[in-house]
Every structure is written in structure tokens, then in C-alpha cells.
Amino acid sequence: MSVDAATVRRVAHLARIAVTDDEVPHLQGELNAMLAFVEQLSQVDVEGVEPMTSVTPMEMKMRADVVSDGGIIDQLLANAPATEEQFFVVPKVVE
């Protein structure tokens, strides 16, 4: 895959980066080099390789997956301008 100058300008626009016409060829080369490296990585055979969380073997610490209110509802609502039954009251914006 190769990136052309129009694509470089489009990516810069999407990223909200100001790019001058003099910078486009350099950025085009940089993006093409990155894409070539990604293509090179896609050729690596990773069949049977387990995903890793670290370079050293370790177990992930798991916590119980339970829903809780944190036990601090009163503290959370203390600075709210308006509350009702332990909920924030906000102005209606859609009719």
C-alpha cells in the first residue's frame, strides 16, 4: 500500500495538524515506511503464540465483577445543586 500526497493532506486534516506543501513529501515517505513495516509484521507466523500481558510470566490479578454504589452516595451528591432520590437533577433539554 502506498500513500499519495492527497492522502497525507487528508490524514493531516483529520488529525488537525497544519501541514505545509514542503512537508508533504517528507510525511508521505514517513507514512509509507510505517505502512511497509506493518505489512512486514503481518507476514510473521504467530500461530499458536499465546497473547502476553508482560515479558515475564505472571498471573493477572482479578477482582470480583460486582456492581456496587461505592458506598459514598452522600459524598457524591453533597455538591450537587439539586438531587432527588439519590440522583442528580438536571434541566430538561429535549421536549
Protein backbone atom coordinates (compact mmCIF):
# COMPACT_ATOMS: atom_id res chain seq x y z
CA MET A 1 0.00 0.00 0.00
CA SER A 2 1.29 3.43 -0.89
CA VAL A 3 0.15 6.82 0.40
CA ASP A 4 -0.12 9.71 -2.05
CA ALA A 5 0.09 13.44 -1.31
CA ALA A 6 -3.70 13.83 -1.19
CA THR A 7 -3.92 11.11 1.47
CA VAL A 8 -1.22 12.84 3.52
CA ARG A 9 -3.20 16.08 3.40
CA ARG A 10 -6.41 14.23 4.33
CA VAL A 11 -4.76 12.49 7.31
CA ALA A 12 -3.28 15.81 8.46
CA HIS A 13 -6.70 17.44 8.19
CA LEU A 14 -8.35 14.64 10.19
CA ALA A 15 -5.62 14.90 12.83
CA ARG A 16 -6.00 18.69 12.89
CA ILE A 17 -2.33 19.16 12.02
CA ALA A 18 -1.23 22.08 9.87
CA VAL A 19 0.99 20.75 7.09
CA THR A 20 2.73 22.95 4.53
CA ASP A 21 3.28 21.85 0.95
CA ASP A 22 7.00 21.50 1.68
CA GLU A 23 6.30 18.99 4.46
CA VAL A 24 4.02 16.70 2.42
CA PRO A 25 6.77 14.70 0.63
CA HIS A 26 8.60 14.01 3.91
CA LEU A 27 5.39 12.93 5.66
CA GLN A 28 4.45 10.81 2.65
CA GLY A 29 7.73 8.92 2.98
CA GLU A 30 7.24 8.51 6.74
CA LEU A 31 3.70 7.14 6.35
CA ASN A 32 4.79 4.78 3.57
CA ALA A 33 7.62 3.48 5.77
CA MET A 34 5.17 2.84 8.63
CA LEU A 35 2.76 1.01 6.37
CA ALA A 36 5.59 -1.09 4.93
CA PHE A 37 6.61 -2.09 8.45
CA VAL A 38 3.03 -3.08 9.31
CA GLU A 39 2.86 -5.17 6.13
CA GLN A 40 6.12 -6.82 7.15
CA LEU A 41 4.65 -7.63 10.59
CA SER A 42 1.58 -9.21 9.01
CA GLN A 43 3.83 -11.81 7.38
CA VAL A 44 5.04 -13.14 10.76
CA ASP A 45 3.59 -16.55 11.68
CA VAL A 46 2.02 -16.21 15.13
CA GLU A 47 0.02 -19.44 15.02
CA GLY A 48 -0.07 -20.98 18.47
CA VAL A 49 1.54 -18.00 20.21
CA GLU A 50 -0.35 -17.06 23.36
CA PRO A 51 -1.15 -13.37 23.97
CA MET A 52 1.07 -11.85 26.66
CA THR A 53 0.43 -9.20 29.29
CA SER A 54 4.12 -8.88 30.15
CA VAL A 55 7.52 -10.08 29.01
CA THR A 56 7.78 -12.04 32.26
CA PRO A 57 5.27 -14.76 33.08
CA MET A 58 2.73 -13.56 35.62
CA GLU A 59 -0.89 -14.03 36.55
CA MET A 60 -3.28 -11.13 36.15
CA LYS A 61 -4.86 -10.01 39.38
CA MET A 62 -8.60 -10.36 39.03
CA ARG A 63 -11.24 -8.63 41.08
CA ALA A 64 -14.81 -9.67 41.60
CA ASP A 65 -17.06 -8.33 38.86
CA VAL A 66 -19.84 -6.94 41.02
CA VAL A 67 -21.97 -3.83 40.76
CA SER A 68 -21.78 -1.52 43.74
CA ASP A 69 -22.56 2.09 44.53
CA GLY A 70 -19.19 2.52 46.20
CA GLY A 71 -20.87 3.26 49.50
CA ILE A 72 -20.31 7.01 49.16
CA ILE A 73 -23.54 8.25 47.59
CA ASP A 74 -23.96 11.00 50.19
CA GLN A 75 -20.44 12.29 49.47
CA LEU A 76 -21.04 12.21 45.71
CA LEU A 77 -24.29 14.14 45.95
CA ALA A 78 -23.07 16.64 48.57
CA ASN A 79 -22.06 19.29 45.99
CA ALA A 80 -24.93 18.70 43.56
CA PRO A 81 -27.18 21.75 43.09
CA ALA A 82 -30.29 19.53 43.07
CA THR A 83 -30.92 15.87 43.87
CA GLU A 84 -33.92 13.57 44.05
CA GLU A 85 -33.90 10.03 45.48
CA GLN A 86 -30.10 9.75 45.27
CA PHE A 87 -29.97 11.01 41.66
CA PHE A 88 -28.68 14.25 40.14
CA VAL A 89 -31.47 16.54 38.89
CA VAL A 90 -30.62 18.26 35.61
CA PRO A 91 -32.63 20.67 33.46
CA LYS A 92 -34.71 19.15 30.68
CA VAL A 93 -33.12 19.92 27.29
CA VAL A 94 -35.29 17.85 24.94
CA GLU A 95 -39.05 18.29 24.71
